[in-house]
């Protein structure tokens, strides 16, 4: 079944077209954690054509991402690794750095950006999760004439603010609005947005988008902010969702910012004995979410194609470093797409392959 449901926004259709063009363009040019690095040995390239190479004359692309045991980031890393094969064949390297946890996300990400710089990066690719903590680090990279790409979080506004080449990823607010509107059209009137990384720019934008989307059909939404230490903690999230539902019996929809939190929230809804009343949706997806959608136990997932974010970010950096290649599309969007009962089968095939 087509992955182009009628609900997908017009700009999202254009985004997937852009992704296809970018993937084709870079196929010929270039065909994960903790502060410890995953390295796959990349060649060189300045702002006016090709960027400076690392000290040894070889391209050294550094990618900052999420935790190594985060299922979403494993898909991003899969894309990074696949693009790194070409970089490695050309004699260069791609190094993936990530934080130990999300408790101090912005400052930790800034330290990783600085670490990449100190290790002789010839390009730095990173999400701009917390601008007030990370922007100065991005600017230090750019000030040295080293190209930066913002991906996954921050949007084109962040890329422009710090002087990066481009933004690659989904528009978080638009994705949230699409999900909220979809949920509203399915009858939800009071939606809880579960945010286990409060204060991060992308998760705040997601929940704001959900609220504005539900409002289109006359509904309302509020956040359930939880300490970031609860991210991926099934017991804490399940209990938090259960308590919120029992406290306010008008809540009839729950949207989570991650697949782990979706699993936990599903448990919390069950524990509250509200499975027949409360609809569940989430950002991102894996086989658990897709199987629940297929079984009628979850309403939707919002796919931002994390594999493509990692693959395109590395490919774009390598093409710029070696050949001065740039794309006219700014931002380069990888989503969103609403995955629901009508198109879940084809999404399941991608998830089994480890890329969705």
Protein backbone atom coordinates (compact mmCIF):
# COMPACT_ATOMS: atom_id res chain seq x y z
CA UNK A 1 0.00 0.00 0.00
CA UNK A 2 1.20 3.50 -0.76
CA UNK A 3 3.00 5.48 1.95
CA UNK A 4 1.27 8.61 0.61
CA UNK A 5 -1.93 8.71 2.71
CA UNK A 6 -4.35 11.45 1.81
CA UNK A 7 -3.67 13.05 5.16
CA UNK A 8 -0.03 13.80 4.44
CA UNK A 9 0.56 17.51 4.08
CA UNK A 10 1.56 18.99 0.71
CA UNK A 11 4.97 20.05 1.92
CA UNK A 12 5.63 16.55 3.21
CA UNK A 13 5.04 15.16 -0.30
CA UNK A 14 7.58 17.66 -1.58
CA UNK A 15 9.94 16.58 1.22
CA UNK A 16 9.92 12.96 0.13
CA UNK A 17 10.53 14.05 -3.43
CA UNK A 18 13.49 16.08 -2.25
CA UNK A 19 14.83 13.06 -0.37
CA UNK A 20 14.63 10.98 -3.52
CA UNK A 21 16.49 13.60 -5.54
CA UNK A 22 19.15 13.96 -2.85
CA UNK A 23 19.66 10.23 -2.54
CA UNK A 24 20.10 9.94 -6.32
CA UNK A 25 22.41 12.93 -6.50
CA UNK A 26 24.73 11.58 -3.83
CA UNK A 27 24.74 7.96 -4.92
CA UNK A 28 27.55 8.66 -7.36
CA UNK A 29 29.32 11.18 -5.12
CA UNK A 30 29.40 9.14 -2.01
CA UNK A 31 27.38 5.98 -2.30
CA UNK A 32 27.04 5.62 16.95
CA UNK A 33 26.21 6.47 22.49
CA UNK A 34 28.81 8.00 24.59
CA UNK A 35 31.75 10.28 24.15
CA UNK A 36 33.53 7.14 23.03
CA UNK A 37 33.38 7.03 19.25
CA UNK A 38 32.29 4.66 16.52
CA UNK A 39 34.61 5.20 13.58
CA UNK A 40 34.46 3.97 10.04
CA UNK A 41 37.54 5.11 8.20
CA UNK A 42 36.36 9.24 4.87
CA UNK A 43 38.91 12.93 1.86
CA UNK A 44 38.98 16.49 1.70
CA UNK A 45 37.51 19.37 0.79
CA UNK A 46 36.34 25.72 2.23
CA UNK A 47 33.30 27.48 2.22
CA UNK A 48 33.65 28.56 -1.41
CA UNK A 49 34.02 25.14 -2.95
CA UNK A 50 35.54 22.52 -0.74
CA UNK A 51 36.05 22.66 3.00
CA UNK A 52 39.37 22.18 4.77
CA UNK A 53 40.50 18.65 5.39
CA UNK A 54 41.59 17.20 8.70
CA UNK A 55 45.20 17.54 9.77
CA UNK A 56 46.20 14.28 8.07
CA UNK A 57 44.72 15.44 4.75
CA UNK A 58 41.76 13.07 4.92
CA UNK A 59 38.10 13.87 5.36
CA UNK A 60 36.97 13.39 8.96
CA UNK A 61 33.20 13.69 9.37
CA UNK A 62 31.90 13.75 12.96
CA UNK A 63 28.24 12.99 13.65
CA UNK A 64 26.68 13.82 17.04
CA UNK A 65 23.57 11.80 17.82
CA UNK A 66 21.58 10.17 20.61
CA UNK A 67 22.23 7.30 23.01
CA UNK A 68 23.56 4.06 21.61
CA UNK A 69 20.68 2.05 23.13
CA UNK A 70 17.95 4.38 21.84
CA UNK A 71 16.02 2.48 19.11
CA UNK A 72 15.39 5.65 17.12
CA UNK A 73 19.08 6.50 17.02
CA UNK A 74 20.00 3.00 15.93
CA UNK A 75 18.10 3.74 12.70
CA UNK A 76 19.91 7.07 12.28
CA UNK A 77 23.21 5.26 12.90
CA UNK A 78 22.29 2.66 10.28
CA UNK A 79 22.00 5.46 7.73
CA UNK A 80 25.27 7.01 8.95
CA UNK A 81 27.04 3.67 8.63
CA UNK A 82 25.74 3.00 5.14
CA UNK A 83 26.85 6.42 3.90
CA UNK A 84 30.19 5.96 5.69
CA UNK A 85 31.05 3.00 3.47
CA UNK A 86 31.68 5.35 0.56
CA UNK A 87 33.57 7.80 2.77
CA UNK A 88 35.76 4.96 4.00
CA UNK A 89 36.41 3.73 0.47
CA UNK A 90 37.70 7.22 -0.32
CA UNK A 91 40.18 7.05 2.55
CA UNK A 92 38.32 9.12 5.14
CA UNK A 93 36.40 8.47 8.35
CA UNK A 94 33.00 8.99 9.93
CA UNK A 95 32.86 9.11 13.73
CA UNK A 96 29.59 8.94 15.67
CA UNK A 97 29.45 10.48 19.17
CA UNK A 98 26.55 10.39 21.62
CA UNK A 99 25.73 11.20 25.26
CA UNK A 100 25.56 8.65 28.07
CA UNK A 101 22.03 9.83 28.93
CA UNK A 102 19.63 12.70 28.26
CA UNK A 103 19.78 14.29 31.72
CA UNK A 104 21.95 17.21 30.57
CA UNK A 105 21.28 17.02 26.86
CA UNK A 106 22.17 20.51 25.60
CA UNK A 107 25.47 21.00 27.46
CA UNK A 108 26.50 17.41 26.75
CA UNK A 109 25.83 17.86 23.03
CA UNK A 110 27.84 21.11 23.03
CA UNK A 111 30.78 19.26 24.62
CA UNK A 112 30.57 16.60 21.92
CA UNK A 113 30.60 19.27 19.20
CA UNK A 114 33.69 20.80 20.81
CA UNK A 115 35.23 17.34 21.10
CA UNK A 116 34.73 16.76 17.37
CA UNK A 117 36.42 20.10 16.70
CA UNK A 118 39.39 19.24 18.92
CA UNK A 119 39.79 15.88 17.15
CA UNK A 120 40.34 17.53 13.77
CA UNK A 121 36.86 17.32 12.26
CA UNK A 122 36.55 18.49 8.66
CA UNK A 123 32.72 18.55 9.02
CA UNK A 124 30.42 18.42 12.06
CA UNK A 125 26.81 17.19 11.87
CA UNK A 126 24.57 17.52 14.93
CA UNK A 127 21.01 18.12 16.12
CA UNK A 128 20.37 21.52 17.71
CA UNK A 129 18.31 20.12 20.58
CA UNK A 130 18.88 22.99 23.03
CA UNK A 131 19.92 26.14 21.13
CA UNK A 132 20.93 28.16 24.17
CA UNK A 133 23.43 25.45 25.09
CA UNK A 134 24.59 24.34 21.64
CA UNK A 135 24.58 27.37 19.35
CA UNK A 136 27.89 28.73 20.64
CA UNK A 137 29.55 25.37 19.93
CA UNK A 138 28.14 25.28 16.39
CA UNK A 139 29.45 28.81 15.82
CA UNK A 140 32.91 27.81 17.00
CA UNK A 141 32.93 25.14 14.32
CA UNK A 142 31.80 27.54 11.58
CA UNK A 143 34.23 30.26 12.73
CA UNK A 144 37.10 27.89 11.93
CA UNK A 145 35.86 27.47 8.37
CA UNK A 146 34.58 23.95 9.04
CA UNK A 147 31.17 23.16 7.53
CA UNK A 148 28.35 22.21 9.87
CA UNK A 149 25.01 20.59 9.13
CA UNK A 150 22.11 20.68 11.57
CA UNK A 151 20.02 17.52 11.34
CA UNK A 152 17.13 15.88 13.19
CA UNK A 153 16.33 18.83 15.49
CA UNK A 154 16.40 22.61 15.21
CA UNK A 155 15.04 23.22 11.71
CA UNK A 156 16.33 25.57 9.05
CA UNK A 157 16.07 28.45 11.53
CA UNK A 158 18.81 26.84 13.61
CA UNK A 159 20.96 26.21 10.54
CA UNK A 160 20.68 29.86 9.51
CA UNK A 161 21.30 31.07 13.05
CA UNK A 162 24.57 29.20 13.46
CA UNK A 163 25.77 29.43 9.85
CA UNK A 164 25.30 25.76 8.94
CA UNK A 165 25.02 24.57 5.35
CA UNK A 166 21.55 23.08 5.71
CA UNK A 167 18.99 21.35 7.92
CA UNK A 168 18.10 17.73 7.27
CA UNK A 169 15.13 16.22 9.07
CA UNK A 170 11.48 16.76 9.82
CA UNK A 171 9.72 19.98 10.76
CA UNK A 172 8.78 19.05 14.31
CA UNK A 173 5.99 21.57 14.71
CA UNK A 174 4.38 20.61 11.40
CA UNK A 175 4.68 16.93 12.29
CA UNK A 176 3.00 17.51 15.64
CA UNK A 177 0.24 19.55 14.04
CA UNK A 178 -0.37 16.81 11.48
CA UNK A 179 -0.61 14.20 14.24
CA UNK A 180 -2.86 16.34 16.41
CA UNK A 181 -5.20 17.10 13.54
CA UNK A 182 -5.33 13.43 12.58
CA UNK A 183 -6.18 12.46 16.15
CA UNK A 184 -8.82 15.20 16.32
CA UNK A 185 -10.44 13.94 13.13
CA UNK A 186 -10.67 10.51 14.76
CA UNK A 187 -12.74 12.02 17.57
CA UNK A 188 -10.21 12.96 20.28
CA UNK A 189 -11.15 16.13 22.19
CA UNK A 190 -8.65 16.28 25.08
CA UNK A 191 -5.15 15.07 24.22
CA UNK A 192 -2.21 14.58 26.58
CA UNK A 193 1.26 15.10 25.06
CA UNK A 194 3.76 13.10 27.13
CA UNK A 195 7.12 14.89 27.09
CA UNK A 196 9.98 13.07 28.79
CA UNK A 197 12.62 15.50 27.49
CA UNK A 198 10.99 18.82 28.48
CA UNK A 199 12.84 21.95 27.42
CA UNK A 200 14.37 20.37 24.30
CA UNK A 201 13.45 22.45 21.26
CA UNK A 202 12.23 19.52 19.18
CA UNK A 203 10.01 17.93 21.83
CA UNK A 204 8.50 21.28 22.82
CA UNK A 205 7.73 21.95 19.14
CA UNK A 206 6.15 18.52 18.83
CA UNK A 207 3.77 19.08 21.71
CA UNK A 208 2.91 22.62 20.56
CA UNK A 209 2.12 21.24 17.13
CA UNK A 210 -0.11 18.55 18.63
CA UNK A 211 -2.03 21.20 20.57
CA UNK A 212 -2.53 23.40 17.51
CA UNK A 213 -3.52 20.40 15.39
CA UNK A 214 -6.19 19.19 17.81
CA UNK A 215 -7.50 22.75 18.01
CA UNK A 216 -8.42 22.58 14.30
CA UNK A 217 -11.22 20.16 15.15
CA UNK A 218 -12.25 21.97 18.34
CA UNK A 219 -10.17 19.94 20.80
CA UNK A 220 -7.55 20.86 23.37
CA UNK A 221 -4.19 19.47 24.44
CA UNK A 222 -1.80 19.90 27.34
CA UNK A 223 1.65 18.58 28.16
CA UNK A 224 2.58 16.00 30.74
CA UNK A 225 6.22 17.03 31.33
CA UNK A 226 8.32 14.40 33.09
CA UNK A 227 11.97 14.47 34.25
CA UNK A 228 14.31 13.55 31.40
CA UNK A 229 15.68 10.76 33.59
CA UNK A 230 12.31 9.06 32.96
CA UNK A 231 12.90 8.91 29.19
CA UNK A 232 12.70 5.23 28.29
CA UNK A 233 11.85 4.27 31.89
CA UNK A 234 8.78 2.07 31.35
CA UNK A 235 7.59 1.99 34.94
CA UNK A 236 7.88 5.74 35.56
CA UNK A 237 6.19 6.70 32.30
CA UNK A 238 3.41 4.11 32.64
CA UNK A 239 2.65 5.26 36.18
CA UNK A 240 2.76 8.93 35.17
CA UNK A 241 0.32 8.40 32.31
CA UNK A 242 -1.96 6.24 34.43
CA UNK A 243 -2.07 8.88 37.16
CA UNK A 244 -2.83 11.67 34.68
CA UNK A 245 -5.67 9.68 33.10
CA UNK A 246 -7.25 8.80 36.44
CA UNK A 247 -6.97 12.42 37.59
CA UNK A 248 -8.70 13.81 34.47
CA UNK A 249 -11.35 11.50 33.04
CA UNK A 250 -11.91 13.80 30.04
CA UNK A 251 -8.55 12.84 28.46
CA UNK A 252 -9.30 10.71 25.41
CA UNK A 253 -5.99 10.84 23.56
CA UNK A 254 -2.30 10.39 24.39
CA UNK A 255 0.63 11.32 22.12
CA UNK A 256 4.21 10.45 23.07
CA UNK A 257 7.54 11.80 21.81
CA UNK A 258 9.19 8.41 21.32
CA UNK A 259 8.52 4.75 20.72
CA UNK A 260 9.72 3.70 24.18
CA UNK A 261 7.32 6.15 25.77
CA UNK A 262 4.53 4.89 23.49
CA UNK A 263 5.04 1.36 24.79
CA UNK A 264 5.02 2.63 28.38
CA UNK A 265 1.98 4.83 27.80
CA UNK A 266 0.11 1.91 26.25
CA UNK A 267 0.78 0.02 29.47
CA UNK A 268 -0.41 2.98 31.55
CA UNK A 269 -3.63 3.22 29.53
CA UNK A 270 -4.25 -0.49 30.09
CA UNK A 271 -3.53 -0.20 33.81
CA UNK A 272 -6.11 2.59 34.02
CA UNK A 273 -8.62 0.31 32.22
CA UNK A 274 -9.13 2.95 29.55
CA UNK A 275 -8.05 1.09 26.41
CA UNK A 276 -11.51 1.44 24.87
CA UNK A 277 -11.62 5.20 25.45
CA UNK A 278 -8.11 6.63 25.10
CA UNK A 279 -6.52 6.77 21.65
CA UNK A 280 -2.72 6.47 21.40
CA UNK A 281 -0.35 8.05 18.90
CA UNK A 282 3.39 8.62 18.87
CA UNK A 283 6.26 10.27 17.10
CA UNK A 284 8.54 7.73 15.42
CA UNK A 285 7.83 4.04 15.14
CA UNK A 286 9.10 0.51 15.42
CA UNK A 287 7.56 -2.91 15.04
CA UNK A 288 5.71 -2.71 18.38
CA UNK A 289 3.85 0.43 17.32
CA UNK A 290 3.22 -0.86 13.83
CA UNK A 291 1.82 -4.14 15.12
CA UNK A 292 -0.49 -2.29 17.50
CA UNK A 293 -1.69 -0.10 14.64
CA UNK A 294 -2.35 -3.19 12.54
CA UNK A 295 -4.26 -4.78 15.45
CA UNK A 296 -6.34 -1.64 16.03
CA UNK A 297 -4.75 -0.91 19.42
CA UNK A 298 -2.92 2.27 18.42
CA UNK A 299 -4.15 5.06 16.18
CA UNK A 300 -0.98 6.26 14.44
CA UNK A 301 2.76 6.83 14.37
CA UNK A 302 4.52 9.83 12.83
CA UNK A 303 7.46 8.72 10.71
CA UNK A 304 10.35 11.14 10.13
CA UNK A 305 12.57 8.56 8.39
CA UNK A 306 15.58 8.56 10.72
CA UNK A 307 17.62 6.34 8.42
CA UNK A 308 17.46 9.01 5.73
CA UNK A 309 18.52 11.70 8.19
CA UNK A 310 21.77 9.89 8.96
CA UNK A 311 22.39 8.79 5.39
CA UNK A 312 21.72 12.15 3.76
CA UNK A 313 23.62 14.18 6.38
CA UNK A 314 26.82 12.17 5.89
CA UNK A 315 26.39 11.98 2.11
CA UNK A 316 25.77 15.72 1.83
CA UNK A 317 28.80 16.55 3.97
CA UNK A 318 31.02 14.24 1.98
CA UNK A 319 29.82 15.61 -1.36
CA UNK A 320 30.49 19.16 -0.17
CA UNK A 321 33.92 18.36 1.22
CA UNK A 322 35.14 16.50 -1.85
CA UNK A 323 33.38 18.22 -4.73
CA UNK A 324 31.79 21.42 -3.41
CA UNK A 325 28.32 19.94 -4.02
CA UNK A 326 25.32 21.65 -2.45
CA UNK A 327 21.58 21.22 -2.91
CA UNK A 328 19.14 24.05 -3.63
CA UNK A 329 16.60 22.52 -1.23
CA UNK A 330 16.77 24.19 2.18
CA UNK A 331 15.60 22.57 4.36
CA UNK A 332 16.00 19.00 3.14
CA UNK A 333 12.95 17.37 4.70
CA UNK A 334 12.58 13.68 5.52
CA UNK A 335 9.02 13.75 6.87
CA UNK A 336 6.50 13.58 8.35
CA UNK A 337 4.22 10.80 7.21
CA UNK A 338 1.25 9.61 9.24
CA UNK A 339 1.34 5.82 9.49
CA UNK A 340 -2.13 4.48 10.27
CA UNK A 341 -4.20 1.39 9.53
CA UNK A 342 -4.45 2.29 5.86
CA UNK A 343 -0.72 2.15 5.09
CA UNK A 344 0.80 0.15 7.93
CA UNK A 345 1.68 -2.97 5.95
CA UNK A 346 4.36 -1.33 3.80
CA UNK A 347 5.78 0.44 6.86
CA UNK A 348 6.12 -2.93 8.62
CA UNK A 349 8.28 -4.18 5.77
CA UNK A 350 10.66 -1.23 6.24
CA UNK A 351 10.80 -1.76 9.99
CA UNK A 352 11.75 -5.42 9.54
CA UNK A 353 14.64 -4.27 7.37
CA UNK A 354 15.84 -2.07 10.26
CA UNK A 355 15.46 1.27 8.48
CA UNK A 356 12.03 2.50 9.68
